PDB file of N, CA and C in Angstrom:
ATOM      1  N   MET A   1     199.403   5.254  66.210  1.00  0.00           N
ATOM      2  CA  MET A   1     199.110   5.191  68.261  1.00  0.00           C
ATOM      3  C   MET A   1     200.766   5.409  68.064  1.00  0.00           C
ATOM      4  N   ARG A   2     201.813   5.532  67.583  1.00  0.00           N
ATOM      5  CA  ARG A   2     202.863   5.744  67.486  1.00  0.00           C
ATOM      6  C   ARG A   2     203.607   6.371  68.921  1.00  0.00           C
ATOM      7  N   ILE A   3     203.155   7.570  68.489  1.00  0.00           N
ATOM      8  CA  ILE A   3     203.048   8.931  69.358  1.00  0.00           C
ATOM      9  C   ILE A   3     203.117   8.500  70.881  1.00  0.00           C
ATOM     10  N   PHE A   4     201.735   7.516  71.277  1.00  0.00           N
ATOM     11  CA  PHE A   4     201.551   7.293  72.533  1.00  0.00           C
ATOM     12  C   PHE A   4     202.731   6.133  72.979  1.00  0.00           C
ATOM     13  N   GLY A   5     203.221   5.377  71.984  1.00  0.00           N
ATOM     14  CA  GLY A   5     204.552   5.074  72.717  1.00  0.00           C
ATOM     15  C   GLY A   5     205.606   5.912  73.046  1.00  0.00           C
ATOM     16  N   GLU A   6     205.865   6.569  72.108  1.00  0.00           N
ATOM     17  CA  GLU A   6     207.273   7.486  72.444  1.00  0.00           C
ATOM     18  C   GLU A   6     206.787   8.361  73.774  1.00  0.00           C
ATOM     19  N   ARG A   7     205.471   8.727  73.705  1.00  0.00           N
ATOM     20  CA  ARG A   7     205.329   9.243  75.115  1.00  0.00           C
ATOM     21  C   ARG A   7     205.137   8.625  76.451  1.00  0.00           C
ATOM     22  N   LEU A   8     204.973   7.241  76.351  1.00  0.00           N
ATOM     23  CA  LEU A   8     204.970   6.328  77.248  1.00  0.00           C
ATOM     24  C   LEU A   8     206.318   6.220  78.024  1.00  0.00           C
ATOM     25  N   LYS A   9     207.201   5.974  76.729  1.00  0.00           N
ATOM     26  CA  LYS A   9     208.213   5.483  77.043  1.00  0.00           C
ATOM     27  C   LYS A   9     209.192   6.818  77.986  1.00  0.00           C
ATOM     28  N   GLU A  10     208.690   8.141  77.416  1.00  0.00           N
ATOM     29  CA  GLU A  10     209.766   9.356  78.217  1.00  0.00           C
ATOM     30  C   GLU A  10     209.179   9.626  79.285  1.00  0.00           C
ATOM     31  N   ILE A  11     207.754   8.865  79.386  1.00  0.00           N
ATOM     32  CA  ILE A  11     207.177   9.822  80.825  1.00  0.00           C
ATOM     33  C   ILE A  11     207.853   8.356  82.178  1.00  0.00           C
ATOM     34  N   ARG A  12     207.670   7.465  81.710  1.00  0.00           N
ATOM     35  CA  ARG A  12     208.556   6.076  82.403  1.00  0.00           C
ATOM     36  C   ARG A  12     209.817   6.728  82.708  1.00  0.00           C
ATOM     37  N   LYS A  13     210.472   6.782  81.697  1.00  0.00           N
ATOM     38  CA  LYS A  13     211.837   6.610  81.760  1.00  0.00           C
ATOM     39  C   LYS A  13     212.240   8.245  82.842  1.00  0.00           C
ATOM     40  N   ASP A  14     211.086   9.432  82.270  1.00  0.00           N
ATOM     41  CA  ASP A  14     211.370  10.505  83.111  1.00  0.00           C
ATOM     42  C   ASP A  14     210.948  10.135  85.016  1.00  0.00           C
ATOM     43  N   HIS A  15     210.553   8.792  84.940  1.00  0.00           N
ATOM     44  CA  HIS A  15     209.803   8.942  86.648  1.00  0.00           C
ATOM     45  C   HIS A  15     211.094   7.774  87.409  1.00  0.00           C
ATOM     46  N   GLY A  16     211.537   7.090  85.917  1.00  0.00           N
ATOM     47  CA  GLY A  16     213.308   6.298  86.830  1.00  0.00           C
ATOM     48  C   GLY A  16     212.660   4.750  86.720  1.00  0.00           C
ATOM     49  N   HIS A  17     211.332   4.773  85.999  1.00  0.00           N
ATOM     50  CA  HIS A  17     211.165   3.110  85.703  1.00  0.00           C
ATOM     51  C   HIS A  17     211.544   2.968  84.489  1.00  0.00           C
ATOM     52  N   THR A  18     211.555   1.265  84.886  1.00  0.00           N
ATOM     53  CA  THR A  18     211.810   0.759  83.721  1.00  0.00           C
ATOM     54  C   THR A  18     210.551  -0.166  83.171  1.00  0.00           C
ATOM     55  N   GLN A  19     210.909  -0.860  82.078  1.00  0.00           N
ATOM     56  CA  GLN A  19     209.388  -1.207  81.682  1.00  0.00           C
ATOM     57  C   GLN A  19     209.048  -2.439  82.647  1.00  0.00           C
ATOM     58  N   SER A  20     210.281  -3.242  83.166  1.00  0.00           N
ATOM     59  CA  SER A  20     209.731  -4.195  84.073  1.00  0.00           C
ATOM     60  C   SER A  20     209.353  -3.841  84.940  1.00  0.00           C
ATOM     61  N   ASP A  21     209.364  -2.218  85.997  1.00  0.00           N
ATOM     62  CA  ASP A  21     208.490  -1.707  86.461  1.00  0.00           C
ATOM     63  C   ASP A  21     207.324  -1.658  86.714  1.00  0.00           C
ATOM     64  N   LEU A  22     206.983  -0.761  85.396  1.00  0.00           N
ATOM     65  CA  LEU A  22     205.418  -0.511  84.988  1.00  0.00           C
ATOM     66  C   LEU A  22     204.738  -1.808  84.616  1.00  0.00           C
ATOM     67  N   ALA A  23     205.515  -2.887  83.692  1.00  0.00           N
ATOM     68  CA  ALA A  23     204.293  -3.834  83.544  1.00  0.00           C
ATOM     69  C   ALA A  23     204.309  -4.463  84.815  1.00  0.00           C
ATOM     70  N   SER A  24     204.966  -4.522  86.169  1.00  0.00           N
ATOM     71  CA  SER A  24     204.710  -5.259  87.426  1.00  0.00           C
ATOM     72  C   SER A  24     203.606  -4.701  88.166  1.00  0.00           C
ATOM     73  N   HIS A  25     203.637  -2.824  88.085  1.00  0.00           N
ATOM     74  CA  HIS A  25     202.798  -2.197  88.549  1.00  0.00           C
ATOM     75  C   HIS A  25     201.335  -2.702  88.060  1.00  0.00           C
ATOM     76  N   LEU A  26     201.282  -2.877  86.627  1.00  0.00           N
ATOM     77  CA  LEU A  26     199.928  -2.549  85.986  1.00  0.00           C
ATOM     78  C   LEU A  26     199.742  -4.047  86.234  1.00  0.00           C
ATOM     79  N   GLY A  27     200.603  -5.094  86.484  1.00  0.00           N
ATOM     80  CA  GLY A  27     200.155  -6.388  86.518  1.00  0.00           C
ATOM     81  C   GLY A  27     199.967  -6.738  84.683  1.00  0.00           C
ATOM     82  N   PHE A  28     200.764  -6.740  83.650  1.00  0.00           N
ATOM     83  CA  PHE A  28     201.512  -6.610  82.664  1.00  0.00           C
ATOM     84  C   PHE A  28     202.654  -7.543  82.525  1.00  0.00           C
ATOM     85  N   SER A  29     202.782  -8.194  81.252  1.00  0.00           N
ATOM     86  CA  SER A  29     204.133  -8.631  80.902  1.00  0.00           C
ATOM     87  C   SER A  29     205.107  -7.667  80.218  1.00  0.00           C
ATOM     88  N   VAL A  30     206.390  -7.757  80.489  1.00  0.00           N
ATOM     89  CA  VAL A  30     207.384  -6.582  79.805  1.00  0.00           C
ATOM     90  C   VAL A  30     207.094  -6.612  78.472  1.00  0.00           C
ATOM     91  N   SER A  31     206.870  -7.525  77.768  1.00  0.00           N
ATOM     92  CA  SER A  31     206.738  -7.783  76.251  1.00  0.00           C
ATOM     93  C   SER A  31     205.280  -7.167  75.902  1.00  0.00           C
ATOM     94  N   THR A  32     204.456  -7.130  77.074  1.00  0.00           N
ATOM     95  CA  THR A  32     202.993  -5.944  76.721  1.00  0.00           C
ATOM     96  C   THR A  32     203.447  -4.980  76.986  1.00  0.00           C
ATOM     97  N   VAL A  33     204.163  -3.856  77.944  1.00  0.00           N
ATOM     98  CA  VAL A  33     204.629  -2.856  77.940  1.00  0.00           C
ATOM     99  C   VAL A  33     205.580  -1.925  76.335  1.00  0.00           C
ATOM    100  N   ARG A  34     206.531  -3.537  76.175  1.00  0.00           N
ATOM    101  CA  ARG A  34     207.419  -3.125  74.920  1.00  0.00           C
ATOM    102  C   ARG A  34     206.261  -2.731  73.947  1.00  0.00           C
ATOM    103  N   LYS A  35     205.565  -3.737  73.384  1.00  0.00           N
ATOM    104  CA  LYS A  35     204.737  -3.288  72.213  1.00  0.00           C
ATOM    105  C   LYS A  35     203.797  -2.112  72.264  1.00  0.00           C
ATOM    106  N   TRP A  36     203.340  -1.865  73.704  1.00  0.00           N
ATOM    107  CA  TRP A  36     202.890  -0.275  73.365  1.00  0.00           C
ATOM    108  C   TRP A  36     203.926   0.673  72.928  1.00  0.00           C
ATOM    109  N   GLU A  37     205.222   0.582  73.784  1.00  0.00           N
ATOM    110  CA  GLU A  37     206.491   1.941  73.444  1.00  0.00           C
ATOM    111  C   GLU A  37     206.598   1.486  72.139  1.00  0.00           C
ATOM    112  N   GLN A  38     206.234   0.772  71.341  1.00  0.00           N
ATOM    113  CA  GLN A  38     207.042   0.178  69.724  1.00  0.00           C
ATOM    114  C   GLN A  38     205.491   0.731  68.813  1.00  0.00           C
ATOM    115  N   GLY A  39     204.277   0.991  69.148  1.00  0.00           N
ATOM    116  CA  GLY A  39     203.628   1.040  68.866  1.00  0.00           C
ATOM    117  C   GLY A  39     202.863  -0.184  68.106  1.00  0.00           C
ATOM    118  N   LEU A  40     202.983  -1.224  68.616  1.00  0.00           N
ATOM    119  CA  LEU A  40     202.517  -2.791  68.290  1.00  0.00           C
ATOM    120  C   LEU A  40     201.384  -3.090  68.853  1.00  0.00           C
ATOM    121  N   ALA A  41     201.108  -2.547  69.652  1.00  0.00           N
ATOM    122  CA  ALA A  41     199.475  -2.730  70.473  1.00  0.00           C
ATOM    123  C   ALA A  41     199.019  -1.471  71.608  1.00  0.00           C
ATOM    124  N   GLU A  42     198.313  -1.417  72.114  1.00  0.00           N
ATOM    125  CA  GLU A  42     197.530  -0.424  72.687  1.00  0.00           C
ATOM    126  C   GLU A  42     197.380  -0.801  73.978  1.00  0.00           C
ATOM    127  N   PRO A  43     197.016  -0.491  75.300  1.00  0.00           N
ATOM    128  CA  PRO A  43     196.450  -0.429  76.051  1.00  0.00           C
ATOM    129  C   PRO A  43     194.981  -0.164  75.953  1.00  0.00           C
ATOM    130  N   ASP A  44     194.340  -1.145  76.857  1.00  0.00           N
ATOM    131  CA  ASP A  44     192.842  -0.968  76.698  1.00  0.00           C
ATOM    132  C   ASP A  44     192.475   0.601  78.068  1.00  0.00           C
ATOM    133  N   LEU A  45     191.396   1.326  77.579  1.00  0.00           N
ATOM    134  CA  LEU A  45     191.315   1.848  78.648  1.00  0.00           C
ATOM    135  C   LEU A  45     191.144   2.136  79.809  1.00  0.00           C
ATOM    136  N   ASN A  46     190.820   1.443  80.847  1.00  0.00           N
ATOM    137  CA  ASN A  46     190.771   1.268  81.984  1.00  0.00           C
ATOM    138  C   ASN A  46     192.477   1.349  82.553  1.00  0.00           C
ATOM    139  N   THR A  47     193.538   0.625  81.776  1.00  0.00           N
ATOM    140  CA  THR A  47     194.983   0.837  81.472  1.00  0.00           C
ATOM    141  C   THR A  47     195.591   1.737  81.341  1.00  0.00           C
ATOM    142  N   LEU A  48     194.797   2.502  80.202  1.00  0.00           N
ATOM    143  CA  LEU A  48     195.345   3.632  80.229  1.00  0.00           C
ATOM    144  C   LEU A  48     194.938   4.722  81.398  1.00  0.00           C
ATOM    145  N   LYS A  49     193.907   4.436  81.943  1.00  0.00           N
ATOM    146  CA  LYS A  49     193.553   5.299  83.040  1.00  0.00           C
ATOM    147  C   LYS A  49     194.234   5.318  84.409  1.00  0.00           C
ATOM    148  N   ARG A  50     194.546   3.900  84.263  1.00  0.00           N
ATOM    149  CA  ARG A  50     195.563   3.648  85.715  1.00  0.00           C
ATOM    150  C   ARG A  50     197.231   4.209  84.631  1.00  0.00           C
ATOM    151  N   ILE A  51     197.735   4.276  83.885  1.00  0.00           N
ATOM    152  CA  ILE A  51     198.703   4.834  83.385  1.00  0.00           C
ATOM    153  C   ILE A  51     198.986   6.469  83.794  1.00  0.00           C
ATOM    154  N   CYS A  52     197.972   7.045  83.215  1.00  0.00           N
ATOM    155  CA  CYS A  52     197.572   8.272  83.677  1.00  0.00           C
ATOM    156  C   CYS A  52     197.702   9.209  85.088  1.00  0.00           C
ATOM    157  N   THR A  53     196.795   7.903  86.182  1.00  0.00           N
ATOM    158  CA  THR A  53     197.242   8.073  87.277  1.00  0.00           C
ATOM    159  C   THR A  53     198.355   8.355  87.820  1.00  0.00           C
ATOM    160  N   LEU A  54     199.390   6.729  87.180  1.00  0.00           N
ATOM    161  CA  LEU A  54     200.559   6.528  87.729  1.00  0.00           C
ATOM    162  C   LEU A  54     201.297   7.382  87.869  1.00  0.00           C
ATOM    163  N   TYR A  55     201.472   7.967  86.724  1.00  0.00           N
ATOM    164  CA  TYR A  55     202.503   9.321  85.962  1.00  0.00           C
ATOM    165  C   TYR A  55     201.647  10.980  86.225  1.00  0.00           C
ATOM    166  N   SER A  56     200.203  10.762  86.774  1.00  0.00           N
ATOM    167  CA  SER A  56     200.304  11.985  86.794  1.00  0.00           C
ATOM    168  C   SER A  56     200.146  13.035  85.846  1.00  0.00           C
ATOM    169  N   VAL A  57     200.094  12.226  84.137  1.00  0.00           N
ATOM    170  CA  VAL A  57     199.433  12.954  82.713  1.00  0.00           C
ATOM    171  C   VAL A  57     198.589  12.808  82.761  1.00  0.00           C
ATOM    172  N   SER A  58     197.925  14.020  81.453  1.00  0.00           N
ATOM    173  CA  SER A  58     196.219  13.168  81.125  1.00  0.00           C
ATOM    174  C   SER A  58     196.465  12.452  79.600  1.00  0.00           C
ATOM    175  N   SER A  59     195.446  11.829  79.696  1.00  0.00           N
ATOM    176  CA  SER A  59     195.307  11.316  78.877  1.00  0.00           C
ATOM    177  C   SER A  59     195.154  11.873  77.523  1.00  0.00           C
ATOM    178  N   ASP A  60     194.953  13.014  77.187  1.00  0.00           N
ATOM    179  CA  ASP A  60     195.064  13.784  76.006  1.00  0.00           C
ATOM    180  C   ASP A  60     196.284  14.237  75.538  1.00  0.00           C
ATOM    181  N   PHE A  61     197.598  14.533  76.798  1.00  0.00           N
ATOM    182  CA  PHE A  61     199.106  14.436  75.937  1.00  0.00           C
ATOM    183  C   PHE A  61     199.759  12.545  75.714  1.00  0.00           C
ATOM    184  N   LEU A  62     198.912  11.950  76.591  1.00  0.00           N
ATOM    185  CA  LEU A  62     198.898  10.682  76.034  1.00  0.00           C
ATOM    186  C   LEU A  62     199.067  10.425  74.487  1.00  0.00           C
ATOM    187  N   LEU A  63     197.604  10.288  74.329  1.00  0.00           N
ATOM    188  CA  LEU A  63     197.350  10.027  73.152  1.00  0.00           C
ATOM    189  C   LEU A  63     197.559  10.910  71.972  1.00  0.00           C
ATOM    190  N   ALA A  64     198.362  12.404  72.022  1.00  0.00           N
ATOM    191  CA  ALA A  64     198.584  13.237  71.387  1.00  0.00           C
ATOM    192  C   ALA A  64     197.514  14.392  70.728  1.00  0.00           C
ATOM    193  N   LEU A  65     196.799  14.400  71.639  1.00  0.00           N
ATOM    194  CA  LEU A  65     195.572  15.402  71.117  1.00  0.00           C
ATOM    195  C   LEU A  65     196.119  16.672  72.027  1.00  0.00           C
ATOM    196  N   THR A  66     197.184  17.082  72.688  1.00  0.00           N
ATOM    197  CA  THR A  66     197.869  17.917  73.159  1.00  0.00           C
ATOM    198  C   THR A  66     199.462  17.874  72.980  1.00  0.00           C
ATOM    199  N   ASN A  67     200.188  18.796  73.264  1.00  0.00           N
ATOM    200  CA  ASN A  67     201.754  18.507  73.164  1.00  0.00           C
ATOM    201  C   ASN A  67     201.823  19.518  74.475  1.00  0.00           C
ATOM    202  N   LEU A  68     201.213  19.463  75.519  1.00  0.00           N
ATOM    203  CA  LEU A  68     201.343  20.324  76.920  1.00  0.00           C
ATOM    204  C   LEU A  68     201.190  19.382  77.937  1.00  0.00           C
ATOM    205  N   ASP A  69     202.842  18.866  78.159  1.00  0.00           N
ATOM    206  CA  ASP A  69     202.910  17.999  79.422  1.00  0.00           C
ATOM    207  C   ASP A  69     202.735  18.488  80.536  1.00  0.00           C
ATOM    208  N   PRO A  70     201.562  18.074  81.133  1.00  0.00           N
ATOM    209  CA  PRO A  70     201.594  19.254  82.616  1.00  0.00           C
ATOM    210  C   PRO A  70     202.702  18.470  83.697  1.00  0.00           C
ATOM    211  N   LEU A  71     203.491  17.395  83.276  1.00  0.00           N
ATOM    212  CA  LEU A  71     204.339  17.487  84.217  1.00  0.00           C
ATOM    213  C   LEU A  71     205.763  18.581  84.299  1.00  0.00           C
ATOM    214  N   ILE A  72     205.991  18.422  82.614  1.00  0.00           N
ATOM    215  CA  ILE A  72     206.889  19.734  82.830  1.00  0.00           C
ATOM    216  C   ILE A  72     206.291  21.143  83.060  1.00  0.00           C
ATOM    217  N   TYR A  73     205.504  21.549  82.781  1.00  0.00           N
ATOM    218  CA  TYR A  73     204.709  22.635  83.411  1.00  0.00           C
ATOM    219  C   TYR A  73     204.650  23.133  84.785  1.00  0.00           C
ATOM    220  N   GLU A  74     203.982  21.994  85.496  1.00  0.00           N
ATOM    221  CA  GLU A  74     203.856  21.791  87.218  1.00  0.00           C
ATOM    222  C   GLU A  74     205.716  22.147  87.092  1.00  0.00           C
ATOM    223  N   ASP A  75     206.202  21.420  87.024  1.00  0.00           N
ATOM    224  CA  ASP A  75     207.563  21.827  87.659  1.00  0.00           C
ATOM    225  C   ASP A  75     208.428  23.015  87.533  1.00  0.00           C
ATOM    226  N   ARG A  76     207.848  23.539  85.986  1.00  0.00           N
ATOM    227  CA  ARG A  76     208.761  24.938  85.874  1.00  0.00           C
ATOM    228  C   ARG A  76     207.856  25.811  87.103  1.00  0.00           C
ATOM    229  N   PHE A  77     206.307  25.633  87.151  1.00  0.00           N
ATOM    230  CA  PHE A  77     205.532  26.380  87.833  1.00  0.00           C
ATOM    231  C   PHE A  77     205.957  26.559  89.553  1.00  0.00           C
ATOM    232  N   GLU A  78     206.590  25.366  89.275  1.00  0.00           N
ATOM    233  CA  GLU A  78     207.120  25.275  90.994  1.00  0.00           C
ATOM    234  C   GLU A  78     208.221  26.343  91.571  1.00  0.00           C
ATOM    235  N   LYS A  79     209.182  25.880  90.497  1.00  0.00           N
ATOM    236  CA  LYS A  79     210.381  27.118  90.362  1.00  0.00           C
ATOM    237  C   LYS A  79     210.252  28.400  90.142  1.00  0.00           C
ATOM    238  N   LEU A  80     209.382  28.711  90.131  1.00  0.00           N
ATOM    239  CA  LEU A  80     208.992  30.360  90.021  1.00  0.00           C
ATOM    240  C   LEU A  80     209.131  30.938  91.514  1.00  0.00           C
ATOM    241  N   SER A  81     210.104  32.213  91.045  1.00  0.00           N
ATOM    242  CA  SER A  81     209.907  33.271  92.570  1.00  0.00           C
ATOM    243  C   SER A  81     208.457  33.517  93.105  1.00  0.00           C
ATOM    244  N   PRO A  82     208.035  33.695  94.169  1.00  0.00           N
ATOM    245  CA  PRO A  82     206.786  34.190  94.442  1.00  0.00           C
ATOM    246  C   PRO A  82     206.654  35.277  93.995  1.00  0.00           C
ATOM    247  N   GLU A  83     207.070  36.562  93.029  1.00  0.00           N
ATOM    248  CA  GLU A  83     207.004  37.518  92.350  1.00  0.00           C
ATOM    249  C   GLU A  83     206.914  37.158  91.019  1.00  0.00           C
ATOM    250  N   ASP A  84     207.375  36.110  90.556  1.00  0.00           N
ATOM    251  CA  ASP A  84     206.839  35.680  89.350  1.00  0.00           C
ATOM    252  C   ASP A  84     205.741  34.954  89.027  1.00  0.00           C
ATOM    253  N   LYS A  85     205.403  33.910  90.617  1.00  0.00           N
ATOM    254  CA  LYS A  85     203.864  33.494  90.131  1.00  0.00           C
ATOM    255  C   LYS A  85     203.158  34.814  90.620  1.00  0.00           C
ATOM    256  N   SER A  86     203.031  35.855  91.208  1.00  0.00           N
ATOM    257  CA  SER A  86     202.326  36.751  90.930  1.00  0.00           C
ATOM    258  C   SER A  86     201.993  37.273  90.490  1.00  0.00           C
ATOM    259  N   ALA A  87     203.214  37.375  88.945  1.00  0.00           N
ATOM    260  CA  ALA A  87     203.025  38.101  87.963  1.00  0.00           C
ATOM    261  C   ALA A  87     202.273  37.153  86.782  1.00  0.00           C
ATOM    262  N   LEU A  88     202.126  35.939  87.195  1.00  0.00           N
ATOM    263  CA  LEU A  88     201.759  35.286  85.760  1.00  0.00           C
ATOM    264  C   LEU A  88     200.053  34.968  86.432  1.00  0.00           C
ATOM    265  N   SER A  89     199.792  35.272  87.985  1.00  0.00           N
ATOM    266  CA  SER A  89     198.514  35.120  88.052  1.00  0.00           C
ATOM    267  C   SER A  89     197.719  36.261  87.357  1.00  0.00           C
ATOM    268  N   LEU A  90     198.204  37.584  88.214  1.00  0.00           N
ATOM    269  CA  LEU A  90     197.533  38.994  86.913  1.00  0.00           C
ATOM    270  C   LEU A  90     197.668  38.504  85.534  1.00  0.00           C
ATOM    271  N   PHE A  91     198.944  37.909  85.127  1.00  0.00           N
ATOM    272  CA  PHE A  91     198.630  38.072  83.280  1.00  0.00           C
ATOM    273  C   PHE A  91     197.315  36.591  83.132  1.00  0.00           C
ATOM    274  N   GLU A  92     197.238  35.516  83.748  1.00  0.00           N
ATOM    275  CA  GLU A  92     196.200  35.421  83.849  1.00  0.00           C
ATOM    276  C   GLU A  92     195.004  35.788  84.007  1.00  0.00           C
ATOM    277  N   LYS A  93     194.369  36.275  84.767  1.00  0.00           N
ATOM    278  CA  LYS A  93     193.533  37.320  85.372  1.00  0.00           C
ATOM    279  C   LYS A  93     192.956  38.224  83.919  1.00  0.00           C
ATOM    280  N   PHE A  94     194.035  38.826  83.523  1.00  0.00           N
ATOM    281  CA  PHE A  94     194.060  39.808  81.928  1.00  0.00           C
ATOM    282  C   PHE A  94     193.468  38.585  80.930  1.00  0.00           C
ATOM    283  N   LEU A  95     194.188  37.754  80.783  1.00  0.00           N
ATOM    284  CA  LEU A  95     193.487  36.525  79.872  1.00  0.00           C
ATOM    285  C   LEU A  95     192.029  36.553  79.852  1.00  0.00           C
ATOM    286  N   SER A  96     191.590  36.562  81.136  1.00  0.00           N
ATOM    287  CA  SER A  96     190.470  35.542  81.075  1.00  0.00           C
ATOM    288  C   SER A  96     189.484  36.344  80.834  1.00  0.00           C
ATOM    289  N   SER A  97     189.499  38.339  81.481  1.00  0.00           N
ATOM    290  CA  SER A  97     188.781  39.336  81.796  1.00  0.00           C
ATOM    291  C   SER A  97     187.922  39.678  80.211  1.00  0.00           C
ATOM    292  N   ASP A  98     186.534  40.183  80.331  1.00  0.00           N
ATOM    293  CA  ASP A  98     186.236  40.202  79.559  1.00  0.00           C
ATOM    294  C   ASP A  98     186.442  41.507  78.902  1.00  0.00           C
ATOM    295  N   LYS A  99     186.377  41.952  77.258  1.00  0.00           N
ATOM    296  CA  LYS A  99     186.668  43.450  77.284  1.00  0.00           C
ATOM    297  C   LYS A  99     185.866  44.261  76.399  1.00  0.00           C
TER     298      LYS A  99
END
């Protein structure tokens, strides 16, 4: 569960939150959040869902079932020009078409 802690820390910092901010938002102590980030403990399922909702991240990413961070890709997509968005849409259609 070490990767979970590393990813939680990274996402928390990306949002400008301290361990204290996250602990306060979720109703836990700072030491609990610290243990999660150090891989010494893990949140229960309900808390995991709340973290995912708070940070708009998938549990698959936090649990290292995928390496695709949706926030990174969402930000990149928003920065694309209208022409690039159109080209990407055409490429997605190509990939999903039956051959």
